[in-house]
Amino acid sequence: MDKKLLNSPQHSDEGTDSFVAEMFLKNALLEFKREKIRKEIDQTLLEGNKELFLKLTEELKKIC
């Protein structure tokens, strides 16, 4: 019988590690895209570009 120590590193399944890494990367990329669009929206407000503002807000809604 294997004993698992509370503070020792545990070997996890490679599939689980890959899944967690993929989810982490997808989340980081999504957050990067959101922030980029928000900055672009701020710029359109400063410039008064209503058409681009509406386009960007729709894009942001789709990924939120």
N, C-alpha and C. Protein backbone atom coordinates (compact mmCIF):
# COMPACT_ATOMS: atom_id res chain seq x y z
N MET A 1 0.85 -1.17 0.00
CA MET A 1 0.00 0.00 0.00
C MET A 1 0.89 1.24 0.00
N ASP A 2 0.62 2.18 -0.93
CA ASP A 2 1.38 3.42 -0.99
C ASP A 2 0.88 4.38 0.07
N LYS A 3 1.82 5.01 0.75
CA LYS A 3 1.47 6.05 1.72
C LYS A 3 1.77 7.39 1.08
N LYS A 4 0.85 8.30 1.19
CA LYS A 4 1.05 9.64 0.66
C LYS A 4 1.24 10.59 1.83
N LEU A 5 2.34 11.27 1.79
CA LEU A 5 2.64 12.22 2.84
C LEU A 5 1.97 13.55 2.53
N LEU A 6 1.54 14.22 3.57
CA LEU A 6 0.79 15.45 3.41
C LEU A 6 1.59 16.54 2.70
N ASN A 7 2.86 16.69 3.03
CA ASN A 7 3.65 17.79 2.47
C ASN A 7 4.61 17.36 1.36
N SER A 8 4.48 16.15 0.88
CA SER A 8 5.37 15.72 -0.19
C SER A 8 4.72 15.98 -1.55
N PRO A 9 5.54 16.21 -2.58
CA PRO A 9 4.96 16.43 -3.91
C PRO A 9 4.20 15.20 -4.38
N GLN A 10 3.07 15.42 -4.96
CA GLN A 10 2.26 14.32 -5.46
C GLN A 10 2.39 14.26 -6.98
N HIS A 11 2.49 13.09 -7.52
CA HIS A 11 2.53 12.92 -8.97
C HIS A 11 1.10 12.93 -9.48
N SER A 12 0.84 13.83 -10.40
CA SER A 12 -0.51 13.87 -10.94
C SER A 12 -0.50 13.34 -12.36
N ASP A 13 -1.64 13.06 -12.81
CA ASP A 13 -1.84 12.51 -14.14
C ASP A 13 -1.42 13.54 -15.19
N GLU A 14 -0.70 13.11 -16.22
CA GLU A 14 -0.27 14.04 -17.28
C GLU A 14 -1.45 14.69 -17.97
N GLY A 15 -2.51 13.95 -18.15
CA GLY A 15 -3.70 14.51 -18.78
C GLY A 15 -4.29 15.64 -17.97
N THR A 16 -4.31 15.47 -16.67
CA THR A 16 -4.82 16.51 -15.78
C THR A 16 -3.93 17.74 -15.85
N ASP A 17 -2.62 17.53 -15.82
CA ASP A 17 -1.68 18.65 -15.91
C ASP A 17 -1.87 19.41 -17.21
N SER A 18 -2.01 18.68 -18.30
CA SER A 18 -2.20 19.31 -19.61
C SER A 18 -3.50 20.10 -19.65
N PHE A 19 -4.54 19.53 -19.09
CA PHE A 19 -5.84 20.20 -19.06
C PHE A 19 -5.77 21.49 -18.25
N VAL A 20 -5.16 21.42 -17.10
CA VAL A 20 -5.04 22.60 -16.24
C VAL A 20 -4.19 23.67 -16.93
N ALA A 21 -3.09 23.27 -17.55
CA ALA A 21 -2.24 24.23 -18.26
C ALA A 21 -2.99 24.87 -19.42
N GLU A 22 -3.73 24.08 -20.16
CA GLU A 22 -4.50 24.60 -21.28
C GLU A 22 -5.56 25.59 -20.81
N MET A 23 -6.26 25.25 -19.74
CA MET A 23 -7.29 26.14 -19.21
C MET A 23 -6.67 27.45 -18.71
N PHE A 24 -5.53 27.36 -18.06
CA PHE A 24 -4.83 28.53 -17.57
C PHE A 24 -4.45 29.45 -18.73
N LEU A 25 -3.89 28.87 -19.79
CA LEU A 25 -3.49 29.65 -20.95
C LEU A 25 -4.68 30.28 -21.66
N LYS A 26 -5.76 29.52 -21.81
CA LYS A 26 -6.96 30.06 -22.45
C LYS A 26 -7.51 31.24 -21.65
N ASN A 27 -7.53 31.09 -20.34
CA ASN A 27 -8.03 32.16 -19.49
C ASN A 27 -7.14 33.39 -19.58
N ALA A 28 -5.82 33.20 -19.57
CA ALA A 28 -4.89 34.32 -19.68
C ALA A 28 -5.06 35.04 -21.02
N LEU A 29 -5.21 34.29 -22.10
CA LEU A 29 -5.40 34.88 -23.42
C LEU A 29 -6.71 35.65 -23.49
N LEU A 30 -7.76 35.09 -22.93
CA LEU A 30 -9.06 35.75 -22.93
C LEU A 30 -9.00 37.06 -22.15
N GLU A 31 -8.34 37.04 -21.01
CA GLU A 31 -8.22 38.26 -20.20
C GLU A 31 -7.38 39.31 -20.94
N PHE A 32 -6.34 38.87 -21.65
CA PHE A 32 -5.54 39.79 -22.44
C PHE A 32 -6.39 40.45 -23.53
N LYS A 33 -7.20 39.65 -24.21
CA LYS A 33 -8.07 40.18 -25.26
C LYS A 33 -9.07 41.19 -24.70
N ARG A 34 -9.67 40.84 -23.54
CA ARG A 34 -10.63 41.76 -22.91
C ARG A 34 -9.97 43.10 -22.59
N GLU A 35 -8.80 43.05 -22.00
CA GLU A 35 -8.11 44.28 -21.62
C GLU A 35 -7.74 45.10 -22.85
N LYS A 36 -7.31 44.43 -23.90
CA LYS A 36 -6.95 45.13 -25.13
C LYS A 36 -8.18 45.85 -25.72
N ILE A 37 -9.30 45.16 -25.75
CA ILE A 37 -10.53 45.77 -26.28
C ILE A 37 -10.97 46.93 -25.40
N ARG A 38 -10.88 46.77 -24.09
CA ARG A 38 -11.26 47.87 -23.18
C ARG A 38 -10.41 49.11 -23.44
N LYS A 39 -9.13 48.91 -23.65
CA LYS A 39 -8.25 50.06 -23.94
C LYS A 39 -8.63 50.70 -25.28
N GLU A 40 -8.95 49.87 -26.27
CA GLU A 40 -9.37 50.39 -27.56
C GLU A 40 -10.69 51.15 -27.44
N ILE A 41 -11.60 50.66 -26.60
CA ILE A 41 -12.86 51.34 -26.36
C ILE A 41 -12.60 52.70 -25.73
N ASP A 42 -11.72 52.75 -24.76
CA ASP A 42 -11.38 54.03 -24.13
C ASP A 42 -10.85 55.01 -25.17
N GLN A 43 -10.02 54.52 -26.07
CA GLN A 43 -9.46 55.38 -27.10
C GLN A 43 -10.54 55.90 -28.05
N THR A 44 -11.49 55.04 -28.40
CA THR A 44 -12.57 55.48 -29.29
C THR A 44 -13.43 56.55 -28.61
N LEU A 45 -13.59 56.44 -27.31
CA LEU A 45 -14.34 57.47 -26.59
C LEU A 45 -13.62 58.80 -26.63
N LEU A 46 -12.31 58.76 -26.46
CA LEU A 46 -11.52 59.99 -26.52
C LEU A 46 -11.58 60.62 -27.91
N GLU A 47 -11.60 59.77 -28.93
CA GLU A 47 -11.62 60.25 -30.31
C GLU A 47 -13.03 60.56 -30.81
N GLY A 48 -14.03 60.07 -30.10
CA GLY A 48 -15.41 60.29 -30.53
C GLY A 48 -15.81 59.42 -31.71
N ASN A 49 -15.19 58.25 -31.84
CA ASN A 49 -15.46 57.35 -32.96
C ASN A 49 -16.59 56.38 -32.57
N LYS A 50 -17.81 56.82 -32.81
CA LYS A 50 -18.98 56.04 -32.40
C LYS A 50 -19.06 54.69 -33.10
N GLU A 51 -18.78 54.67 -34.40
CA GLU A 51 -18.88 53.42 -35.17
C GLU A 51 -17.94 52.35 -34.62
N LEU A 52 -16.69 52.73 -34.39
CA LEU A 52 -15.73 51.77 -33.86
C LEU A 52 -16.07 51.39 -32.42
N PHE A 53 -16.56 52.36 -31.65
CA PHE A 53 -16.99 52.10 -30.28
C PHE A 53 -18.05 51.00 -30.25
N LEU A 54 -19.06 51.13 -31.10
CA LEU A 54 -20.14 50.14 -31.12
C LEU A 54 -19.62 48.76 -31.54
N LYS A 55 -18.74 48.75 -32.53
CA LYS A 55 -18.15 47.48 -32.98
C LYS A 55 -17.37 46.81 -31.85
N LEU A 56 -16.54 47.58 -31.16
CA LEU A 56 -15.71 47.02 -30.08
C LEU A 56 -16.54 46.57 -28.88
N THR A 57 -17.59 47.32 -28.56
CA THR A 57 -18.43 46.90 -27.43
C THR A 57 -19.16 45.60 -27.74
N GLU A 58 -19.57 45.42 -29.00
CA GLU A 58 -20.20 44.15 -29.39
C GLU A 58 -19.19 43.01 -29.29
N GLU A 59 -17.98 43.27 -29.73
CA GLU A 59 -16.93 42.25 -29.65
C GLU A 59 -16.65 41.87 -28.20
N LEU A 60 -16.61 42.88 -27.33
CA LEU A 60 -16.37 42.61 -25.91
C LEU A 60 -17.51 41.79 -25.30
N LYS A 61 -18.74 42.09 -25.68
CA LYS A 61 -19.88 41.33 -25.18
C LYS A 61 -19.78 39.86 -25.55
N LYS A 62 -19.28 39.59 -26.76
CA LYS A 62 -19.19 38.21 -27.24
C LYS A 62 -18.17 37.37 -26.44
N ILE A 63 -17.14 38.02 -25.95
CA ILE A 63 -16.10 37.23 -25.25
C ILE A 63 -16.23 37.29 -23.73
N CYS A 64 -17.18 38.06 -23.23
CA CYS A 64 -17.36 38.14 -21.77
C CYS A 64 -18.30 37.12 -21.27
